[in-house]
Amino acid sequence: MHEPRRVLETVCRFIGIQFHLRLLKPTLADSRWAGNSTFHRALRGIDPQPLEHWKNQLTQQELWWIEFHCREGMEIAGYPLLTDACFSLSRWAGRLPGESWKGYLHARKSSLAQMAG
């Protein structure tokens, strides 16, 4: 979100509420809030920096897995695909970095259910 004010003004118009500057500052129950950042920084406002963090965190295998399962929604939303997102048995069957065996079995079961429709 490189233009948070413009985006929030658009959201406010869409949902029919008045824009207020305090929407640009993090709050919890209308009180100032330091946030709950995975990057261990207190929030001072809307920060576009974390938007690119995934590029240094996800492997190509993880990107493929996400795009394979989310391809249709990504295309509808206009998100560009960074992989071919096509089925590949070796990619599908391979464990993702740090994936536990329990997580692996659960993810493949869910994946099969999604593919079956």
PDB file of N, CA and C in Angstrom:
ATOM      1  N   MET A   1       0.853  -1.156   0.000  1.00  0.00           N
ATOM      2  CA  MET A   1       0.000   0.000   0.000  1.00  0.00           C
ATOM      3  C   MET A   1       0.904   1.226   0.000  1.00  0.00           C
ATOM      4  N   HIS A   2       1.218   1.691  -1.166  1.00  0.00           N
ATOM      5  CA  HIS A   2       2.156   2.801  -1.292  1.00  0.00           C
ATOM      6  C   HIS A   2       1.481   4.161  -1.118  1.00  0.00           C
ATOM      7  N   GLU A   3       0.173   4.200  -1.202  1.00  0.00           N
ATOM      8  CA  GLU A   3      -0.570   5.442  -0.987  1.00  0.00           C
ATOM      9  C   GLU A   3      -1.706   5.166  -0.013  1.00  0.00           C
ATOM     10  N   PRO A   4      -1.377   4.956   1.270  1.00  0.00           N
ATOM     11  CA  PRO A   4      -2.402   4.524   2.221  1.00  0.00           C
ATOM     12  C   PRO A   4      -3.584   5.483   2.352  1.00  0.00           C
ATOM     13  N   ARG A   5      -3.328   6.778   2.338  1.00  0.00           N
ATOM     14  CA  ARG A   5      -4.449   7.718   2.491  1.00  0.00           C
ATOM     15  C   ARG A   5      -5.414   7.605   1.320  1.00  0.00           C
ATOM     16  N   ARG A   6      -4.876   7.585   0.107  1.00  0.00           N
ATOM     17  CA  ARG A   6      -5.744   7.489  -1.072  1.00  0.00           C
ATOM     18  C   ARG A   6      -6.552   6.193  -1.046  1.00  0.00           C
ATOM     19  N   VAL A   7      -5.903   5.100  -0.689  1.00  0.00           N
ATOM     20  CA  VAL A   7      -6.587   3.807  -0.655  1.00  0.00           C
ATOM     21  C   VAL A   7      -7.667   3.802   0.427  1.00  0.00           C
ATOM     22  N   LEU A   8      -7.342   4.310   1.618  1.00  0.00           N
ATOM     23  CA  LEU A   8      -8.340   4.333   2.685  1.00  0.00           C
ATOM     24  C   LEU A   8      -9.503   5.266   2.373  1.00  0.00           C
ATOM     25  N   GLU A   9      -9.234   6.372   1.691  1.00  0.00           N
ATOM     26  CA  GLU A   9     -10.322   7.253   1.287  1.00  0.00           C
ATOM     27  C   GLU A   9     -11.261   6.527   0.328  1.00  0.00           C
ATOM     28  N   THR A  10     -10.690   5.747  -0.585  1.00  0.00           N
ATOM     29  CA  THR A  10     -11.497   4.964  -1.528  1.00  0.00           C
ATOM     30  C   THR A  10     -12.314   3.906  -0.793  1.00  0.00           C
ATOM     31  N   VAL A  11     -11.680   3.218   0.163  1.00  0.00           N
ATOM     32  CA  VAL A  11     -12.385   2.206   0.956  1.00  0.00           C
ATOM     33  C   VAL A  11     -13.529   2.855   1.733  1.00  0.00           C
ATOM     34  N   CYS A  12     -13.270   3.994   2.351  1.00  0.00           N
ATOM     35  CA  CYS A  12     -14.303   4.682   3.122  1.00  0.00           C
ATOM     36  C   CYS A  12     -15.497   5.057   2.234  1.00  0.00           C
ATOM     37  N   ARG A  13     -15.226   5.582   1.045  1.00  0.00           N
ATOM     38  CA  ARG A  13     -16.319   5.915   0.124  1.00  0.00           C
ATOM     39  C   ARG A  13     -17.103   4.653  -0.236  1.00  0.00           C
ATOM     40  N   PHE A  14     -16.393   3.557  -0.502  1.00  0.00           N
ATOM     41  CA  PHE A  14     -17.035   2.303  -0.902  1.00  0.00           C
ATOM     42  C   PHE A  14     -17.953   1.770   0.195  1.00  0.00           C
ATOM     43  N   ILE A  15     -17.507   1.825   1.451  1.00  0.00           N
ATOM     44  CA  ILE A  15     -18.325   1.272   2.536  1.00  0.00           C
ATOM     45  C   ILE A  15     -19.239   2.317   3.179  1.00  0.00           C
ATOM     46  N   GLY A  16     -19.158   3.561   2.694  1.00  0.00           N
ATOM     47  CA  GLY A  16     -20.092   4.587   3.135  1.00  0.00           C
ATOM     48  C   GLY A  16     -19.806   5.204   4.487  1.00  0.00           C
ATOM     49  N   ILE A  17     -18.533   5.336   4.828  1.00  0.00           N
ATOM     50  CA  ILE A  17     -18.178   6.020   6.074  1.00  0.00           C
ATOM     51  C   ILE A  17     -17.276   7.203   5.752  1.00  0.00           C
ATOM     52  N   GLN A  18     -17.172   8.100   6.707  1.00  0.00           N
ATOM     53  CA  GLN A  18     -16.334   9.285   6.531  1.00  0.00           C
ATOM     54  C   GLN A  18     -14.878   8.934   6.826  1.00  0.00           C
ATOM     55  N   PHE A  19     -13.971   9.422   6.014  1.00  0.00           N
ATOM     56  CA  PHE A  19     -12.545   9.230   6.246  1.00  0.00           C
ATOM     57  C   PHE A  19     -12.088  10.121   7.386  1.00  0.00           C
ATOM     58  N   HIS A  20     -11.253   9.576   8.295  1.00  0.00           N
ATOM     59  CA  HIS A  20     -10.628  10.338   9.363  1.00  0.00           C
ATOM     60  C   HIS A  20      -9.136  10.046   9.341  1.00  0.00           C
ATOM     61  N   LEU A  21      -8.319  11.047   9.630  1.00  0.00           N
ATOM     62  CA  LEU A  21      -6.870  10.862   9.648  1.00  0.00           C
ATOM     63  C   LEU A  21      -6.435   9.766  10.622  1.00  0.00           C
ATOM     64  N   ARG A  22      -7.199   9.578  11.701  1.00  0.00           N
ATOM     65  CA  ARG A  22      -6.796   8.566  12.672  1.00  0.00           C
ATOM     66  C   ARG A  22      -6.857   7.146  12.098  1.00  0.00           C
ATOM     67  N   LEU A  23      -7.507   6.970  10.966  1.00  0.00           N
ATOM     68  CA  LEU A  23      -7.495   5.662  10.309  1.00  0.00           C
ATOM     69  C   LEU A  23      -6.095   5.281   9.838  1.00  0.00           C
ATOM     70  N   LEU A  24      -5.224   6.257   9.694  1.00  0.00           N
ATOM     71  CA  LEU A  24      -3.861   6.002   9.238  1.00  0.00           C
ATOM     72  C   LEU A  24      -2.928   5.583  10.373  1.00  0.00           C
ATOM     73  N   LYS A  25      -3.413   5.627  11.609  1.00  0.00           N
ATOM     74  CA  LYS A  25      -2.606   5.236  12.776  1.00  0.00           C
ATOM     75  C   LYS A  25      -3.187   3.961  13.372  1.00  0.00           C
ATOM     76  N   PRO A  26      -2.320   3.028  13.776  1.00  0.00           N
ATOM     77  CA  PRO A  26      -2.833   1.783  14.352  1.00  0.00           C
ATOM     78  C   PRO A  26      -3.500   2.006  15.705  1.00  0.00           C
ATOM     79  N   THR A  27      -4.688   1.427  15.869  1.00  0.00           N
ATOM     80  CA  THR A  27      -5.406   1.505  17.136  1.00  0.00           C
ATOM     81  C   THR A  27      -5.994   0.137  17.460  1.00  0.00           C
ATOM     82  N   LEU A  28      -6.299  -0.042  18.708  1.00  0.00           N
ATOM     83  CA  LEU A  28      -6.996  -1.226  19.188  1.00  0.00           C
ATOM     84  C   LEU A  28      -8.065  -0.725  20.149  1.00  0.00           C
ATOM     85  N   ALA A  29      -9.332  -0.951  19.811  1.00  0.00           N
ATOM     86  CA  ALA A  29     -10.447  -0.438  20.621  1.00  0.00           C
ATOM     87  C   ALA A  29     -10.333   1.077  20.789  1.00  0.00           C
ATOM     88  N   ASP A  30      -9.965   1.753  19.722  1.00  0.00           N
ATOM     89  CA  ASP A  30      -9.845   3.214  19.662  1.00  0.00           C
ATOM     90  C   ASP A  30      -8.746   3.785  20.552  1.00  0.00           C
ATOM     91  N   SER A  31      -7.776   2.942  20.944  1.00  0.00           N
ATOM     92  CA  SER A  31      -6.602   3.405  21.697  1.00  0.00           C
ATOM     93  C   SER A  31      -5.359   3.150  20.859  1.00  0.00           C
ATOM     94  N   ARG A  32      -4.356   4.027  20.996  1.00  0.00           N
ATOM     95  CA  ARG A  32      -3.103   3.824  20.249  1.00  0.00           C
ATOM     96  C   ARG A  32      -2.589   2.417  20.502  1.00  0.00           C
ATOM     97  N   TRP A  33      -2.014   1.817  19.474  1.00  0.00           N
ATOM     98  CA  TRP A  33      -1.573   0.428  19.565  1.00  0.00           C
ATOM     99  C   TRP A  33      -0.230   0.293  18.878  1.00  0.00           C
ATOM    100  N   ALA A  34       0.714  -0.398  19.508  1.00  0.00           N
ATOM    101  CA  ALA A  34       2.041  -0.602  18.918  1.00  0.00           C
ATOM    102  C   ALA A  34       2.026  -1.711  17.878  1.00  0.00           C
ATOM    103  N   GLY A  35       0.962  -2.461  17.809  1.00  0.00           N
ATOM    104  CA  GLY A  35       0.822  -3.471  16.771  1.00  0.00           C
ATOM    105  C   GLY A  35       1.348  -4.834  17.160  1.00  0.00           C
ATOM    106  N   ASN A  36       1.241  -5.734  16.212  1.00  0.00           N
ATOM    107  CA  ASN A  36       1.679  -7.110  16.382  1.00  0.00           C
ATOM    108  C   ASN A  36       2.419  -7.495  15.101  1.00  0.00           C
ATOM    109  N   SER A  37       3.595  -6.961  14.932  1.00  0.00           N
ATOM    110  CA  SER A  37       4.346  -7.120  13.696  1.00  0.00           C
ATOM    111  C   SER A  37       5.208  -8.372  13.719  1.00  0.00           C
ATOM    112  N   THR A  38       5.209  -9.102  12.628  1.00  0.00           N
ATOM    113  CA  THR A  38       6.097 -10.257  12.506  1.00  0.00           C
ATOM    114  C   THR A  38       7.539  -9.809  12.341  1.00  0.00           C
ATOM    115  N   PHE A  39       7.742  -8.524  12.125  1.00  0.00           N
ATOM    116  CA  PHE A  39       9.090  -8.005  11.946  1.00  0.00           C
ATOM    117  C   PHE A  39       9.595  -7.309  13.200  1.00  0.00           C
ATOM    118  N   HIS A  40       8.836  -7.447  14.301  1.00  0.00           N
ATOM    119  CA  HIS A  40       9.253  -6.986  15.625  1.00  0.00           C
ATOM    120  C   HIS A  40       9.523  -5.487  15.681  1.00  0.00           C
ATOM    121  N   ARG A  41       8.705  -4.729  15.006  1.00  0.00           N
ATOM    122  CA  ARG A  41       8.818  -3.276  15.060  1.00  0.00           C
ATOM    123  C   ARG A  41       7.487  -2.706  15.517  1.00  0.00           C
ATOM    124  N   ALA A  42       7.531  -1.677  16.316  1.00  0.00           N
ATOM    125  CA  ALA A  42       6.293  -1.005  16.715  1.00  0.00           C
ATOM    126  C   ALA A  42       5.721  -0.290  15.488  1.00  0.00           C
ATOM    127  N   LEU A  43       4.427  -0.332  15.361  1.00  0.00           N
ATOM    128  CA  LEU A  43       3.773   0.319  14.225  1.00  0.00           C
ATOM    129  C   LEU A  43       3.549   1.790  14.532  1.00  0.00           C
ATOM    130  N   ARG A  44       3.920   2.649  13.614  1.00  0.00           N
ATOM    131  CA  ARG A  44       3.690   4.084  13.769  1.00  0.00           C
ATOM    132  C   ARG A  44       2.578   4.548  12.825  1.00  0.00           C
ATOM    133  N   GLY A  45       2.275   3.728  11.874  1.00  0.00           N
ATOM    134  CA  GLY A  45       1.261   4.034  10.875  1.00  0.00           C
ATOM    135  C   GLY A  45       1.297   2.921   9.852  1.00  0.00           C
ATOM    136  N   ILE A  46       0.669   3.147   8.737  1.00  0.00           N
ATOM    137  CA  ILE A  46       0.683   2.151   7.676  1.00  0.00           C
ATOM    138  C   ILE A  46       2.039   2.202   7.000  1.00  0.00           C
ATOM    139  N   ASP A  47       2.729   1.071   6.989  1.00  0.00           N
ATOM    140  CA  ASP A  47       4.097   0.990   6.485  1.00  0.00           C
ATOM    141  C   ASP A  47       4.140   0.084   5.254  1.00  0.00           C
ATOM    142  N   PRO A  48       4.476   0.615   4.086  1.00  0.00           N
ATOM    143  CA  PRO A  48       4.516  -0.220   2.885  1.00  0.00           C
ATOM    144  C   PRO A  48       5.732  -1.145   2.811  1.00  0.00           C
ATOM    145  N   GLN A  49       6.724  -0.951   3.669  1.00  0.00           N
ATOM    146  CA  GLN A  49       7.955  -1.743   3.587  1.00  0.00           C
ATOM    147  C   GLN A  49       7.719  -3.254   3.629  1.00  0.00           C
ATOM    148  N   PRO A  50       6.857  -3.780   4.525  1.00  0.00           N
ATOM    149  CA  PRO A  50       6.665  -5.226   4.584  1.00  0.00           C
ATOM    150  C   PRO A  50       6.027  -5.845   3.331  1.00  0.00           C
ATOM    151  N   LEU A  51       5.496  -5.012   2.446  1.00  0.00           N
ATOM    152  CA  LEU A  51       4.866  -5.538   1.235  1.00  0.00           C
ATOM    153  C   LEU A  51       5.808  -6.405   0.405  1.00  0.00           C
ATOM    154  N   GLU A  52       7.078  -6.160   0.486  1.00  0.00           N
ATOM    155  CA  GLU A  52       8.047  -6.891  -0.333  1.00  0.00           C
ATOM    156  C   GLU A  52       8.801  -7.977   0.437  1.00  0.00           C
ATOM    157  N   HIS A  53       8.561  -8.122   1.727  1.00  0.00           N
ATOM    158  CA  HIS A  53       9.315  -9.079   2.539  1.00  0.00           C
ATOM    159  C   HIS A  53       9.181 -10.514   2.050  1.00  0.00           C
ATOM    160  N   TRP A  54       8.015 -10.871   1.514  1.00  0.00           N
ATOM    161  CA  TRP A  54       7.797 -12.246   1.079  1.00  0.00           C
ATOM    162  C   TRP A  54       8.804 -12.654   0.009  1.00  0.00           C
ATOM    163  N   LYS A  55       9.295 -11.709  -0.773  1.00  0.00           N
ATOM    164  CA  LYS A  55      10.227 -12.033  -1.856  1.00  0.00           C
ATOM    165  C   LYS A  55      11.538 -12.593  -1.327  1.00  0.00           C
ATOM    166  N   ASN A  56      11.897 -12.246  -0.087  1.00  0.00           N
ATOM    167  CA  ASN A  56      13.117 -12.758   0.519  1.00  0.00           C
ATOM    168  C   ASN A  56      12.852 -13.927   1.462  1.00  0.00           C
ATOM    169  N   GLN A  57      11.589 -14.261   1.667  1.00  0.00           N
ATOM    170  CA  GLN A  57      11.237 -15.298   2.625  1.00  0.00           C
ATOM    171  C   GLN A  57      10.786 -16.608   1.975  1.00  0.00           C
ATOM    172  N   LEU A  58      10.105 -16.532   0.833  1.00  0.00           N
ATOM    173  CA  LEU A  58       9.543 -17.720   0.200  1.00  0.00           C
ATOM    174  C   LEU A  58      10.486 -18.311  -0.841  1.00  0.00           C
ATOM    175  N   THR A  59      10.544 -19.638  -0.870  1.00  0.00           N
ATOM    176  CA  THR A  59      11.335 -20.323  -1.890  1.00  0.00           C
ATOM    177  C   THR A  59      10.510 -20.439  -3.171  1.00  0.00           C
ATOM    178  N   GLN A  60      11.145 -20.800  -4.260  1.00  0.00           N
ATOM    179  CA  GLN A  60      10.432 -21.020  -5.521  1.00  0.00           C
ATOM    180  C   GLN A  60       9.385 -22.114  -5.369  1.00  0.00           C
ATOM    181  N   GLN A  61       9.705 -23.149  -4.599  1.00  0.00           N
ATOM    182  CA  GLN A  61       8.755 -24.239  -4.364  1.00  0.00           C
ATOM    183  C   GLN A  61       7.520 -23.724  -3.623  1.00  0.00           C
ATOM    184  N   GLU A  62       7.740 -22.877  -2.627  1.00  0.00           N
ATOM    185  CA  GLU A  62       6.610 -22.307  -1.882  1.00  0.00           C
ATOM    186  C   GLU A  62       5.776 -21.383  -2.765  1.00  0.00           C
ATOM    187  N   LEU A  63       6.442 -20.570  -3.592  1.00  0.00           N
ATOM    188  CA  LEU A  63       5.713 -19.702  -4.522  1.00  0.00           C
ATOM    189  C   LEU A  63       4.859 -20.532  -5.472  1.00  0.00           C
ATOM    190  N   TRP A  64       5.444 -21.618  -6.007  1.00  0.00           N
ATOM    191  CA  TRP A  64       4.689 -22.480  -6.916  1.00  0.00           C
ATOM    192  C   TRP A  64       3.473 -23.058  -6.208  1.00  0.00           C
ATOM    193  N   TRP A  65       3.653 -23.555  -4.977  1.00  0.00           N
ATOM    194  CA  TRP A  65       2.555 -24.169  -4.221  1.00  0.00           C
ATOM    195  C   TRP A  65       1.404 -23.161  -4.037  1.00  0.00           C
ATOM    196  N   ILE A  66       1.739 -21.952  -3.653  1.00  0.00           N
ATOM    197  CA  ILE A  66       0.729 -20.908  -3.449  1.00  0.00           C
ATOM    198  C   ILE A  66       0.028 -20.590  -4.767  1.00  0.00           C
ATOM    199  N   GLU A  67       0.805 -20.365  -5.811  1.00  0.00           N
ATOM    200  CA  GLU A  67       0.209 -19.995  -7.090  1.00  0.00           C
ATOM    201  C   GLU A  67      -0.583 -21.143  -7.707  1.00  0.00           C
ATOM    202  N   PHE A  68      -0.143 -22.368  -7.521  1.00  0.00           N
ATOM    203  CA  PHE A  68      -0.882 -23.519  -8.026  1.00  0.00           C
ATOM    204  C   PHE A  68      -2.273 -23.571  -7.405  1.00  0.00           C
ATOM    205  N   HIS A  69      -2.353 -23.315  -6.107  1.00  0.00           N
ATOM    206  CA  HIS A  69      -3.628 -23.403  -5.417  1.00  0.00           C
ATOM    207  C   HIS A  69      -4.462 -22.117  -5.499  1.00  0.00           C
ATOM    208  N   CYS A  70      -3.836 -20.993  -5.771  1.00  0.00           N
ATOM    209  CA  CYS A  70      -4.547 -19.706  -5.775  1.00  0.00           C
ATOM    210  C   CYS A  70      -4.623 -19.081  -7.168  1.00  0.00           C
ATOM    211  N   ARG A  71      -4.207 -19.812  -8.174  1.00  0.00           N
ATOM    212  CA  ARG A  71      -4.080 -19.251  -9.525  1.00  0.00           C
ATOM    213  C   ARG A  71      -5.349 -18.551 -10.000  1.00  0.00           C
ATOM    214  N   GLU A  72      -6.471 -19.213  -9.874  1.00  0.00           N
ATOM    215  CA  GLU A  72      -7.718 -18.634 -10.382  1.00  0.00           C
ATOM    216  C   GLU A  72      -8.030 -17.295  -9.718  1.00  0.00           C
ATOM    217  N   GLY A  73      -7.954 -17.250  -8.393  1.00  0.00           N
ATOM    218  CA  GLY A  73      -8.213 -16.002  -7.683  1.00  0.00           C
ATOM    219  C   GLY A  73      -7.190 -14.930  -7.999  1.00  0.00           C
ATOM    220  N   MET A  74      -5.929 -15.330  -8.160  1.00  0.00           N
ATOM    221  CA  MET A  74      -4.880 -14.367  -8.494  1.00  0.00           C
ATOM    222  C   MET A  74      -5.132 -13.752  -9.863  1.00  0.00           C
ATOM    223  N   GLU A  75      -5.555 -14.583 -10.812  1.00  0.00           N
ATOM    224  CA  GLU A  75      -5.830 -14.068 -12.157  1.00  0.00           C
ATOM    225  C   GLU A  75      -7.032 -13.128 -12.142  1.00  0.00           C
ATOM    226  N   ILE A  76      -8.079 -13.484 -11.394  1.00  0.00           N
ATOM    227  CA  ILE A  76      -9.259 -12.616 -11.283  1.00  0.00           C
ATOM    228  C   ILE A  76      -8.872 -11.265 -10.686  1.00  0.00           C
ATOM    229  N   ALA A  77      -7.990 -11.284  -9.673  1.00  0.00           N
ATOM    230  CA  ALA A  77      -7.578 -10.054  -8.999  1.00  0.00           C
ATOM    231  C   ALA A  77      -6.488  -9.302  -9.755  1.00  0.00           C
ATOM    232  N   GLY A  78      -5.979  -9.886 -10.832  1.00  0.00           N
ATOM    233  CA  GLY A  78      -4.963  -9.208 -11.629  1.00  0.00           C
ATOM    234  C   GLY A  78      -3.556  -9.333 -11.100  1.00  0.00           C
ATOM    235  N   TYR A  79      -3.310 -10.316 -10.206  1.00  0.00           N
ATOM    236  CA  TYR A  79      -1.964 -10.523  -9.697  1.00  0.00           C
ATOM    237  C   TYR A  79      -1.150 -11.313 -10.721  1.00  0.00           C
ATOM    238  N   PRO A  80       0.065 -10.881 -11.029  1.00  0.00           N
ATOM    239  CA  PRO A  80       0.897 -11.638 -11.966  1.00  0.00           C
ATOM    240  C   PRO A  80       1.427 -12.915 -11.314  1.00  0.00           C
ATOM    241  N   LEU A  81       1.504 -13.971 -12.095  1.00  0.00           N
ATOM    242  CA  LEU A  81       2.078 -15.222 -11.607  1.00  0.00           C
ATOM    243  C   LEU A  81       3.586 -15.185 -11.817  1.00  0.00           C
ATOM    244  N   LEU A  82       4.318 -15.666 -10.829  1.00  0.00           N
ATOM    245  CA  LEU A  82       5.770 -15.692 -10.913  1.00  0.00           C
ATOM    246  C   LEU A  82       6.292 -17.082 -11.270  1.00  0.00           C
ATOM    247  N   THR A  83       5.393 -18.076 -11.253  1.00  0.00           N
ATOM    248  CA  THR A  83       5.743 -19.436 -11.668  1.00  0.00           C
ATOM    249  C   THR A  83       4.758 -19.853 -12.747  1.00  0.00           C
ATOM    250  N   ASP A  84       4.935 -21.049 -13.302  1.00  0.00           N
ATOM    251  CA  ASP A  84       3.965 -21.506 -14.302  1.00  0.00           C
ATOM    252  C   ASP A  84       2.650 -21.932 -13.650  1.00  0.00           C
ATOM    253  N   ALA A  85       2.667 -22.217 -12.353  1.00  0.00           N
ATOM    254  CA  ALA A  85       1.479 -22.586 -11.567  1.00  0.00           C
ATOM    255  C   ALA A  85       0.744 -23.798 -12.134  1.00  0.00           C
ATOM    256  N   CYS A  86       1.409 -24.579 -12.962  1.00  0.00           N
ATOM    257  CA  CYS A  86       0.806 -25.781 -13.544  1.00  0.00           C
ATOM    258  C   CYS A  86       1.153 -26.998 -12.692  1.00  0.00           C
ATOM    259  N   PHE A  87       0.273 -27.990 -12.718  1.00  0.00           N
ATOM    260  CA  PHE A  87       0.502 -29.186 -11.912  1.00  0.00           C
ATOM    261  C   PHE A  87       1.782 -29.894 -12.336  1.00  0.00           C
ATOM    262  N   SER A  88       2.535 -30.293 -11.341  1.00  0.00           N
ATOM    263  CA  SER A  88       3.744 -31.089 -11.533  1.00  0.00           C
ATOM    264  C   SER A  88       3.775 -32.074 -10.364  1.00  0.00           C
ATOM    265  N   LEU A  89       3.738 -33.369 -10.668  1.00  0.00           N
ATOM    266  CA  LEU A  89       3.699 -34.367  -9.609  1.00  0.00           C
ATOM    267  C   LEU A  89       4.910 -34.246  -8.692  1.00  0.00           C
ATOM    268  N   SER A  90       6.086 -34.032  -9.257  1.00  0.00           N
ATOM    269  CA  SER A  90       7.280 -33.953  -8.402  1.00  0.00           C
ATOM    270  C   SER A  90       7.236 -32.714  -7.509  1.00  0.00           C
ATOM    271  N   ARG A  91       6.751 -31.608  -8.011  1.00  0.00           N
ATOM    272  CA  ARG A  91       6.642 -30.401  -7.178  1.00  0.00           C
ATOM    273  C   ARG A  91       5.548 -30.579  -6.130  1.00  0.00           C
ATOM    274  N   TRP A  92       4.422 -31.139  -6.558  1.00  0.00           N
ATOM    275  CA  TRP A  92       3.296 -31.320  -5.662  1.00  0.00           C
ATOM    276  C   TRP A  92       3.635 -32.284  -4.521  1.00  0.00           C
ATOM    277  N   ALA A  93       4.348 -33.349  -4.857  1.00  0.00           N
ATOM    278  CA  ALA A  93       4.665 -34.375  -3.869  1.00  0.00           C
ATOM    279  C   ALA A  93       5.836 -33.987  -2.967  1.00  0.00           C
ATOM    280  N   GLY A  94       6.660 -33.041  -3.378  1.00  0.00           N
ATOM    281  CA  GLY A  94       7.820 -32.648  -2.580  1.00  0.00           C
ATOM    282  C   GLY A  94       7.418 -31.886  -1.329  1.00  0.00           C
ATOM    283  N   ARG A  95       8.134 -32.132  -0.257  1.00  0.00           N
ATOM    284  CA  ARG A  95       7.880 -31.385   0.980  1.00  0.00           C
ATOM    285  C   ARG A  95       8.417 -29.972   0.863  1.00  0.00           C
ATOM    286  N   LEU A  96       7.676 -29.048   1.421  1.00  0.00           N
ATOM    287  CA  LEU A  96       8.100 -27.656   1.445  1.00  0.00           C
ATOM    288  C   LEU A  96       9.118 -27.467   2.559  1.00  0.00           C
ATOM    289  N   PRO A  97       9.976 -26.459   2.458  1.00  0.00           N
ATOM    290  CA  PRO A  97      10.969 -26.215   3.513  1.00  0.00           C
ATOM    291  C   PRO A  97      10.302 -26.066   4.877  1.00  0.00           C
ATOM    292  N   GLY A  98      10.770 -26.832   5.841  1.00  0.00           N
ATOM    293  CA  GLY A  98      10.247 -26.745   7.199  1.00  0.00           C
ATOM    294  C   GLY A  98       8.896 -27.405   7.407  1.00  0.00           C
ATOM    295  N   GLU A  99       8.360 -28.042   6.400  1.00  0.00           N
ATOM    296  CA  GLU A  99       7.040 -28.666   6.515  1.00  0.00           C
ATOM    297  C   GLU A  99       7.132 -29.968   7.309  1.00  0.00           C
ATOM    298  N   SER A 100       6.351 -30.087   8.368  1.00  0.00           N
ATOM    299  CA  SER A 100       6.336 -31.321   9.159  1.00  0.00           C
ATOM    300  C   SER A 100       5.610 -32.407   8.371  1.00  0.00           C
ATOM    301  N   TRP A 101       5.803 -33.643   8.775  1.00  0.00           N
ATOM    302  CA  TRP A 101       5.107 -34.733   8.089  1.00  0.00           C
ATOM    303  C   TRP A 101       3.602 -34.612   8.287  1.00  0.00           C
ATOM    304  N   LYS A 102       3.179 -34.206   9.476  1.00  0.00           N
ATOM    305  CA  LYS A 102       1.747 -34.014   9.729  1.00  0.00           C
ATOM    306  C   LYS A 102       1.196 -32.903   8.828  1.00  0.00           C
ATOM    307  N   GLY A 103       1.924 -31.805   8.754  1.00  0.00           N
ATOM    308  CA  GLY A 103       1.525 -30.710   7.879  1.00  0.00           C
ATOM    309  C   GLY A 103       1.516 -31.114   6.417  1.00  0.00           C
ATOM    310  N   TYR A 104       2.515 -31.896   6.036  1.00  0.00           N
ATOM    311  CA  TYR A 104       2.610 -32.398   4.663  1.00  0.00           C
ATOM    312  C   TYR A 104       1.364 -33.202   4.308  1.00  0.00           C
ATOM    313  N   LEU A 105       1.005 -34.162   5.164  1.00  0.00           N
ATOM    314  CA  LEU A 105      -0.151 -35.014   4.887  1.00  0.00           C
ATOM    315  C   LEU A 105      -1.446 -34.203   4.854  1.00  0.00           C
ATOM    316  N   HIS A 106      -1.578 -33.281   5.766  1.00  0.00           N
ATOM    317  CA  HIS A 106      -2.771 -32.427   5.792  1.00  0.00           C
ATOM    318  C   HIS A 106      -2.858 -31.564   4.523  1.00  0.00           C
ATOM    319  N   ALA A 107      -1.743 -30.961   4.138  1.00  0.00           N
ATOM    320  CA  ALA A 107      -1.733 -30.087   2.956  1.00  0.00           C
ATOM    321  C   ALA A 107      -2.039 -30.866   1.683  1.00  0.00           C
ATOM    322  N   ARG A 108      -1.481 -32.073   1.556  1.00  0.00           N
ATOM    323  CA  ARG A 108      -1.735 -32.859   0.343  1.00  0.00           C
ATOM    324  C   ARG A 108      -3.179 -33.345   0.292  1.00  0.00           C
ATOM    325  N   LYS A 109      -3.727 -33.690   1.454  1.00  0.00           N
ATOM    326  CA  LYS A 109      -5.135 -34.089   1.512  1.00  0.00           C
ATOM    327  C   LYS A 109      -6.037 -32.928   1.084  1.00  0.00           C
ATOM    328  N   SER A 110      -5.752 -31.742   1.619  1.00  0.00           N
ATOM    329  CA  SER A 110      -6.522 -30.555   1.256  1.00  0.00           C
ATOM    330  C   SER A 110      -6.349 -30.216  -0.221  1.00  0.00           C
ATOM    331  N   SER A 111      -5.138 -30.374  -0.716  1.00  0.00           N
ATOM    332  CA  SER A 111      -4.853 -30.100  -2.120  1.00  0.00           C
ATOM    333  C   SER A 111      -5.652 -31.032  -3.025  1.00  0.00           C
ATOM    334  N   LEU A 112      -5.683 -32.323  -2.676  1.00  0.00           N
ATOM    335  CA  LEU A 112      -6.455 -33.286  -3.466  1.00  0.00           C
ATOM    336  C   LEU A 112      -7.946 -32.926  -3.454  1.00  0.00           C
ATOM    337  N   ALA A 113      -8.449 -32.523  -2.298  1.00  0.00           N
ATOM    338  CA  ALA A 113      -9.856 -32.126  -2.212  1.00  0.00           C
ATOM    339  C   ALA A 113     -10.126 -30.914  -3.084  1.00  0.00           C
ATOM    340  N   GLN A 114      -9.218 -29.952  -3.098  1.00  0.00           N
ATOM    341  CA  GLN A 114      -9.385 -28.766  -3.936  1.00  0.00           C
ATOM    342  C   GLN A 114      -9.365 -29.144  -5.405  1.00  0.00           C
ATOM    343  N   MET A 115      -8.446 -29.993  -5.796  1.00  0.00           N
ATOM    344  CA  MET A 115      -8.353 -30.395  -7.207  1.00  0.00           C
ATOM    345  C   MET A 115      -9.585 -31.193  -7.647  1.00  0.00           C
ATOM    346  N   ALA A 116     -10.193 -31.944  -6.707  1.00  0.00           N
ATOM    347  CA  ALA A 116     -11.379 -32.746  -7.036  1.00  0.00           C
ATOM    348  C   ALA A 116     -12.624 -31.877  -7.172  1.00  0.00           C
ATOM    349  N   GLY A 117     -12.544 -30.660  -6.658  1.00  0.00           N
ATOM    350  CA  GLY A 117     -13.642 -29.711  -6.798  1.00  0.00           C
ATOM    351  C   GLY A 117     -14.601 -29.832  -5.683  1.00  0.00           C
TER     352      GLY A 117
END
